């Protein structure tokens, strides 16, 4: 009985076909506008424009000191933007959907989006090297190329992608609208929470929103790659299952019968109960082997070995008294196998 996940998929009813999003003109226009906004934020920070001045004003305002009563709650809320916990939660949900819908597309789409997030956001982070508010050294400076890694905000971009992928993979338009609103609220709250805690500049959060949105808008370009990957995985699974069915089972080898030594008791027979066996001559064995086969080499029915003169047939032999007889022992008889006691010779 098969116990893997594919066996369960094969028993489930086939769900209706879910249409994958396409790169429509509306989506291309949104992607182009978001990309232009992304580049404008980067240029504004590079030129130390009014956006950097706004970053310093918000940082010196110190929101965590203005509203300390919500600090404990926001410390937990910001976890919704951490990549590890959120990826595990969303992967569990999408794994269940893959199980029910007979497709690996939800899990593969999540994997592709996270790879794009790490590649694009990580490259800009380490390329610009901006320091965070707690490590700033000069008031009014953009703190670029100083070995930092906070621009854009990874928490914010991860919240946009991880929760937005649920809306991207929604099966109905109504579910897509609700999930889009939910992901927007969560990602907006995570970004503002990092500003409140003082771990990111305001421009970091704005660029993180744009970076996550670019990945979601560009995912339809990756759909052919996701489809090919899914087909390859299922084809590899079919090859492995077919190979396992073609492998023959190892033949069962019978144990060779061991020769029974002469005089040994038969199965279920004790040594005392077994009758005395006479040794068989080597010539009689060869003769019985020859007579057991015909001239053509085909075996003949088993024939009893010839009797020899001087040896009695088993039925003519004197029966042996089994061990444990109820007859009382005789004093004048000697046990078998022993030597008789010496008697004095009369008339010595």
Protein backbone atom coordinates (compact mmCIF):
# COMPACT_ATOMS: atom_id res chain seq x y z
CA UNK A 1 0.00 0.00 0.00
CA UNK A 2 1.39 3.40 -1.00
CA UNK A 3 1.76 5.89 1.83
CA UNK A 4 3.41 8.85 0.08
CA UNK A 5 1.74 12.18 -0.63
CA UNK A 6 1.31 11.30 -4.31
CA UNK A 7 -0.88 8.33 -3.38
CA UNK A 8 -3.17 10.68 -1.51
CA UNK A 9 -3.19 13.06 -4.48
CA UNK A 10 -4.24 10.22 -6.78
CA UNK A 11 -7.27 9.41 -4.61
CA UNK A 12 -8.54 12.99 -4.40
CA UNK A 13 -11.12 14.21 -6.93
CA UNK A 14 -9.76 16.38 -9.69
CA UNK A 15 -10.35 20.08 -8.82
CA UNK A 16 -11.42 22.68 -11.37
CA UNK A 17 -8.67 24.24 -13.43
CA UNK A 18 -7.28 27.41 -11.82
CA UNK A 19 -6.22 30.07 -14.27
CA UNK A 20 -2.75 31.51 -13.74
CA UNK A 21 -2.34 35.31 -13.86
CA UNK A 22 -1.00 36.70 -17.11
CA UNK A 23 1.07 39.78 -17.88
CA UNK A 24 -1.79 41.96 -19.04
CA UNK A 25 -1.38 45.57 -20.09
CA UNK A 26 -2.71 46.74 -16.76
CA UNK A 27 -0.16 44.66 -14.88
CA UNK A 28 2.67 45.80 -17.15
CA UNK A 29 1.70 49.44 -16.53
CA UNK A 30 1.69 48.86 -12.76
CA UNK A 31 5.06 47.13 -12.97
CA UNK A 32 6.56 50.00 -14.95
CA UNK A 33 5.18 52.64 -12.56
CA UNK A 34 6.44 50.75 -9.49
CA UNK A 35 9.87 50.32 -11.04
CA UNK A 36 10.08 54.05 -11.78
CA UNK A 37 9.06 54.82 -8.18
CA UNK A 38 11.72 52.37 -6.92
CA UNK A 39 14.46 54.06 -8.93
CA UNK A 40 13.29 57.51 -7.78
CA UNK A 41 13.62 56.51 -4.11
CA UNK A 42 17.13 55.16 -4.66
CA UNK A 43 18.21 58.31 -6.50
CA UNK A 44 16.70 60.56 -3.82
CA UNK A 45 18.68 58.77 -1.09
CA UNK A 46 21.87 58.80 -3.15
CA UNK A 47 21.57 62.58 -3.62
CA UNK A 48 20.78 63.18 0.10
CA UNK A 49 17.62 65.03 -0.87
CA UNK A 50 14.60 66.02 1.21
CA UNK A 51 13.82 62.32 1.75
CA UNK A 52 16.99 61.88 3.81
CA UNK A 53 16.06 64.99 5.84
CA UNK A 54 12.66 63.44 6.54
CA UNK A 55 14.38 60.25 7.65
CA UNK A 56 16.36 62.18 10.25
CA UNK A 57 13.33 64.06 11.52
CA UNK A 58 11.38 60.86 12.10
CA UNK A 59 14.36 59.23 13.77
CA UNK A 60 14.97 62.16 16.13
CA UNK A 61 11.28 62.20 16.99
CA UNK A 62 11.81 58.73 18.53
CA UNK A 63 8.33 57.20 18.24
CA UNK A 64 9.18 54.43 20.69
CA UNK A 65 9.55 57.08 23.38
CA UNK A 66 6.38 58.93 22.40
CA UNK A 67 4.11 55.85 22.67
CA UNK A 68 5.85 53.36 24.96
CA UNK A 69 2.62 51.55 25.85
CA UNK A 70 2.46 49.75 22.48
CA UNK A 71 6.11 48.78 22.43
CA UNK A 72 5.56 45.26 23.79
CA UNK A 73 2.80 44.50 21.28
CA UNK A 74 4.80 45.75 18.29
CA UNK A 75 7.79 43.65 19.32
CA UNK A 76 5.64 40.59 18.57
CA UNK A 77 3.81 42.09 15.61
CA UNK A 78 7.05 42.71 13.70
CA UNK A 79 7.59 38.93 13.57
CA UNK A 80 5.00 38.87 10.76
CA UNK A 81 7.75 40.30 8.56
CA UNK A 82 10.52 37.89 9.49
CA UNK A 83 11.31 35.49 6.69
CA UNK A 84 11.66 32.28 8.68
CA UNK A 85 8.38 32.20 10.66
CA UNK A 86 6.25 33.65 7.87
CA UNK A 87 7.68 31.33 5.23
CA UNK A 88 6.91 28.28 7.38
CA UNK A 89 3.33 29.38 8.05
CA UNK A 90 2.57 30.20 4.42
CA UNK A 91 4.33 27.04 3.17
CA UNK A 92 2.09 24.88 5.40
CA UNK A 93 -1.03 26.45 3.92
CA UNK A 94 0.21 26.22 0.34
CA UNK A 95 1.34 22.64 0.92
CA UNK A 96 -2.19 21.70 1.95
CA UNK A 97 -3.52 23.41 -1.19
CA UNK A 98 -1.04 21.47 -3.33
CA UNK A 99 -2.28 18.27 -1.73
CA UNK A 100 -5.91 19.07 -2.43
CA UNK A 101 -5.49 20.51 -5.93
CA UNK A 102 -3.13 17.86 -7.39
CA UNK A 103 -0.51 20.46 -8.28
CA UNK A 104 2.83 21.68 -7.01
CA UNK A 105 2.33 25.18 -8.39
CA UNK A 106 1.57 26.91 -5.03
CA UNK A 107 4.75 25.65 -3.40
CA UNK A 108 6.88 26.29 -6.48
CA UNK A 109 5.51 29.82 -6.80
CA UNK A 110 6.37 30.53 -3.18
CA UNK A 111 9.88 29.20 -3.70
CA UNK A 112 10.45 31.29 -6.83
CA UNK A 113 9.18 34.46 -5.14
CA UNK A 114 11.45 33.97 -2.13
CA UNK A 115 14.44 33.37 -4.40
CA UNK A 116 13.71 36.57 -6.30
CA UNK A 117 13.29 38.44 -3.01
CA UNK A 118 16.65 37.27 -1.68
CA UNK A 119 18.43 38.02 -4.93
CA UNK A 120 17.04 41.49 -5.63
CA UNK A 121 16.72 42.91 -2.13
CA UNK A 122 19.97 41.35 -0.95
CA UNK A 123 21.94 42.76 -3.88
CA UNK A 124 20.71 46.32 -3.23
CA UNK A 125 21.24 45.98 0.53
CA UNK A 126 24.89 45.02 0.29
CA UNK A 127 25.53 47.19 -2.75
CA UNK A 128 24.48 50.45 -1.08
CA UNK A 129 25.62 49.47 2.44
CA UNK A 130 23.46 51.94 4.37
CA UNK A 131 23.66 52.09 8.17
CA UNK A 132 20.57 52.00 10.37
CA UNK A 133 19.31 54.81 12.62
CA UNK A 134 20.91 53.33 15.73
CA UNK A 135 24.34 53.25 14.03
CA UNK A 136 24.23 56.65 12.28
CA UNK A 137 27.38 58.75 12.69
CA UNK A 138 26.55 62.14 11.12
CA UNK A 139 23.25 64.01 11.33
CA UNK A 140 21.79 64.73 7.89
CA UNK A 141 23.92 62.12 6.14
CA UNK A 142 22.48 59.32 4.06
CA UNK A 143 24.91 56.86 5.72
CA UNK A 144 25.51 55.03 2.45
CA UNK A 145 28.45 52.73 1.58
CA UNK A 146 29.31 52.30 5.25
CA UNK A 147 28.93 48.51 5.53
CA UNK A 148 25.25 48.44 6.50
CA UNK A 149 22.47 46.22 5.13
CA UNK A 150 19.11 47.87 5.82
CA UNK A 151 18.20 49.66 2.56
CA UNK A 152 15.62 48.52 1.46
CA UNK A 153 13.82 47.05 4.48
CA UNK A 154 13.89 43.26 4.30
CA UNK A 155 11.07 42.91 6.86
CA UNK A 156 8.78 45.08 4.77
CA UNK A 157 9.60 43.47 1.42
CA UNK A 158 9.22 40.00 2.92
CA UNK A 159 5.80 40.88 4.38
CA UNK A 160 4.62 42.14 0.99
CA UNK A 161 5.78 39.01 -0.86
CA UNK A 162 4.93 36.33 1.70
CA UNK A 163 1.41 37.49 2.46
CA UNK A 164 0.79 38.83 -1.03
CA UNK A 165 1.48 35.42 -2.55
CA UNK A 166 -1.75 34.21 -0.94
CA UNK A 167 -3.70 36.79 -2.93
CA UNK A 168 -1.72 35.96 -6.07
CA UNK A 169 -2.67 32.26 -5.79
CA UNK A 170 -6.31 32.84 -4.79
CA UNK A 171 -8.80 30.64 -6.63
CA UNK A 172 -11.67 33.18 -6.87
CA UNK A 173 -11.79 36.95 -7.47
CA UNK A 174 -13.53 37.50 -4.14
CA UNK A 175 -10.83 35.66 -2.22
CA UNK A 176 -8.19 37.60 -4.14
CA UNK A 177 -9.69 40.92 -3.07
CA UNK A 178 -9.88 39.95 0.59
CA UNK A 179 -6.39 38.51 0.66
CA UNK A 180 -4.97 41.54 -1.14
CA UNK A 181 -6.45 43.85 1.49
CA UNK A 182 -5.16 41.65 4.30
CA UNK A 183 -1.62 41.48 2.89
CA UNK A 184 -1.58 45.26 2.33
CA UNK A 185 -2.57 45.92 5.95
CA UNK A 186 -0.03 43.46 7.33
CA UNK A 187 2.86 44.73 5.22
CA UNK A 188 1.97 48.36 5.93
CA UNK A 189 1.88 47.66 9.67
CA UNK A 190 5.18 45.75 9.62
CA UNK A 191 6.95 48.60 7.81
CA UNK A 192 5.68 51.27 10.17
CA UNK A 193 6.56 49.07 13.14
CA UNK A 194 10.22 48.99 12.09
CA UNK A 195 10.19 52.80 11.92
CA UNK A 196 8.59 52.96 15.37
CA UNK A 197 11.24 50.65 16.83
CA UNK A 198 14.01 52.70 15.22
CA UNK A 199 15.52 49.83 13.25
CA UNK A 200 14.84 51.35 9.80
CA UNK A 201 14.66 54.74 8.15
CA UNK A 202 11.36 55.75 6.60
CA UNK A 203 12.90 55.58 3.13
CA UNK A 204 13.97 51.98 3.83
CA UNK A 205 10.35 51.02 4.42
CA UNK A 206 9.07 52.82 1.33
CA UNK A 207 11.65 51.11 -0.85
CA UNK A 208 10.80 47.74 0.76
CA UNK A 209 7.14 48.17 -0.22
CA UNK A 210 8.15 48.90 -3.81
CA UNK A 211 10.60 45.95 -3.93
CA UNK A 212 8.00 43.44 -2.74
CA UNK A 213 5.35 44.79 -5.11
CA UNK A 214 7.72 44.48 -8.07
CA UNK A 215 8.21 40.78 -7.34
CA UNK A 216 4.46 40.12 -7.11
CA UNK A 217 3.76 42.02 -10.31
CA UNK A 218 6.53 40.22 -12.21
CA UNK A 219 5.60 36.67 -11.14
CA UNK A 220 3.54 35.94 -14.31
CA UNK A 221 6.78 36.08 -16.28
CA UNK A 222 7.98 33.13 -14.19
CA UNK A 223 4.88 31.00 -14.77
CA UNK A 224 6.34 29.08 -17.80
CA UNK A 225 9.38 28.19 -15.70
CA UNK A 226 7.16 27.04 -12.82
CA UNK A 227 5.10 24.89 -15.21
CA UNK A 228 8.19 23.22 -16.67
CA UNK A 229 9.56 22.56 -13.20
CA UNK A 230 6.28 20.96 -12.13
CA UNK A 231 6.14 18.77 -15.25
CA UNK A 232 9.73 17.67 -14.70
CA UNK A 233 9.07 16.73 -11.06
CA UNK A 234 5.99 14.66 -11.94
CA UNK A 235 7.80 13.00 -14.86
CA UNK A 236 10.71 12.09 -12.58
CA UNK A 237 8.23 10.68 -10.08
CA UNK A 238 6.62 8.51 -12.78
CA UNK A 239 10.02 7.23 -13.93
CA UNK A 240 10.98 6.27 -10.39
CA UNK A 241 7.67 4.49 -9.77
CA UNK A 242 7.91 2.61 -13.09
CA UNK A 243 11.48 1.58 -12.30
CA UNK A 244 10.45 0.27 -8.90
CA UNK A 245 7.69 -1.81 -10.50
CA UNK A 246 10.07 -3.35 -13.04
CA UNK A 247 12.69 -4.45 -10.53
CA UNK A 248 12.15 -8.24 -9.98
CA UNK A 249 11.97 -9.62 -6.50
CA UNK A 250 14.98 -11.71 -5.41
CA UNK A 251 14.25 -15.46 -5.85
CA UNK A 252 13.75 -17.49 -2.70
CA UNK A 253 16.66 -19.92 -2.35
CA UNK A 254 15.88 -23.26 -0.72
CA UNK A 255 18.32 -24.48 1.83
CA UNK A 256 20.37 -27.51 0.81
CA UNK A 257 19.49 -30.58 2.88
CA UNK A 258 22.24 -31.46 5.25
CA UNK A 259 23.46 -35.09 5.19
CA UNK A 260 22.30 -37.12 8.15
CA UNK A 261 25.15 -39.08 9.72
CA UNK A 262 24.84 -42.83 10.00
CA UNK A 263 23.22 -43.90 13.20
CA UNK A 264 21.59 -40.53 13.92
CA UNK A 265 17.97 -40.62 15.16
CA UNK A 266 15.15 -39.55 12.86
CA UNK A 267 13.07 -36.38 13.33
CA UNK A 268 10.94 -36.68 16.47
CA UNK A 269 12.82 -39.75 17.61
CA UNK A 270 15.14 -39.92 20.56
CA UNK A 271 18.45 -41.69 20.53
CA UNK A 272 17.15 -44.48 22.70
CA UNK A 273 14.02 -45.01 20.59
CA UNK A 274 15.81 -45.12 17.23
CA UNK A 275 16.65 -48.61 15.95
CA UNK A 276 20.18 -49.57 15.25
CA UNK A 277 21.22 -48.59 11.76
CA UNK A 278 23.70 -50.55 9.77
CA UNK A 279 26.33 -48.77 7.71
CA UNK A 280 25.77 -48.81 3.99
CA UNK A 281 28.62 -49.78 1.76
CA UNK A 282 29.90 -47.33 -0.83
CA UNK A 283 29.25 -49.74 -3.64
CA UNK A 284 25.58 -50.09 -2.78
CA UNK A 285 25.13 -46.29 -2.92
CA UNK A 286 26.62 -46.13 -6.38
CA UNK A 287 24.47 -49.01 -7.54
CA UNK A 288 21.28 -47.39 -6.27
CA UNK A 289 22.24 -44.11 -7.95
CA UNK A 290 22.77 -45.88 -11.26
CA UNK A 291 19.52 -47.78 -11.13
CA UNK A 292 17.59 -44.61 -10.23
CA UNK A 293 18.12 -43.20 -13.72
CA UNK A 294 17.23 -44.60 -17.10
CA UNK A 295 19.40 -44.65 -20.18
CA UNK A 296 17.90 -41.37 -21.35
CA UNK A 297 18.91 -39.57 -18.16
CA UNK A 298 15.33 -39.15 -16.83
CA UNK A 299 14.80 -40.06 -13.21
CA UNK A 300 13.00 -43.30 -12.40
CA UNK A 301 10.71 -43.88 -9.50
CA UNK A 302 12.52 -44.45 -6.25
CA UNK A 303 13.48 -48.04 -5.71
CA UNK A 304 14.56 -49.63 -2.50
CA UNK A 305 18.24 -50.43 -2.26
CA UNK A 306 19.15 -54.10 -2.70
CA UNK A 307 19.50 -56.20 0.36
CA UNK A 308 22.84 -57.82 1.10
CA UNK A 309 23.45 -61.27 2.40
CA UNK A 310 24.40 -61.32 5.96
CA UNK A 311 22.26 -58.32 6.85
CA UNK A 312 18.69 -58.66 8.00
CA UNK A 313 15.88 -56.49 6.71
CA UNK A 314 14.63 -53.81 9.11
CA UNK A 315 11.40 -55.79 9.71
CA UNK A 316 13.38 -58.94 10.57
CA UNK A 317 15.63 -57.26 13.08
CA UNK A 318 15.11 -57.79 16.75
CA UNK A 319 13.17 -54.83 18.15
CA UNK A 320 14.97 -52.78 20.70
CA UNK A 321 13.34 -52.12 24.02
CA UNK A 322 12.71 -48.35 24.26
CA UNK A 323 14.26 -46.40 27.07
CA UNK A 324 12.27 -45.90 30.18
CA UNK A 325 10.77 -49.42 30.32
CA UNK A 326 8.57 -50.26 33.25
CA UNK A 327 10.19 -53.71 33.69
CA UNK A 328 12.31 -53.91 36.85
CA UNK A 329 16.03 -54.23 36.32
CA UNK A 330 17.66 -57.63 36.76
CA UNK A 331 20.63 -57.94 38.95
CA UNK A 332 22.23 -60.65 36.90
CA UNK A 333 22.05 -58.64 33.65
CA UNK A 334 24.60 -56.08 32.65
CA UNK A 335 23.72 -52.82 31.00
CA UNK A 336 24.29 -52.55 27.29
CA UNK A 337 27.57 -51.12 26.27
CA UNK A 338 29.12 -52.04 29.66
CA UNK A 339 31.55 -54.78 30.63
CA UNK A 340 30.50 -57.75 32.71
CA UNK A 341 32.06 -58.02 36.16
CA UNK A 342 34.75 -60.63 36.50
CA UNK A 343 33.67 -63.94 38.04
CA UNK A 344 35.97 -66.12 40.06
CA UNK A 345 37.19 -69.22 38.28
CA UNK A 346 36.28 -72.41 40.14
CA UNK A 347 38.96 -74.88 40.95
CA UNK A 348 41.71 -72.28 40.65
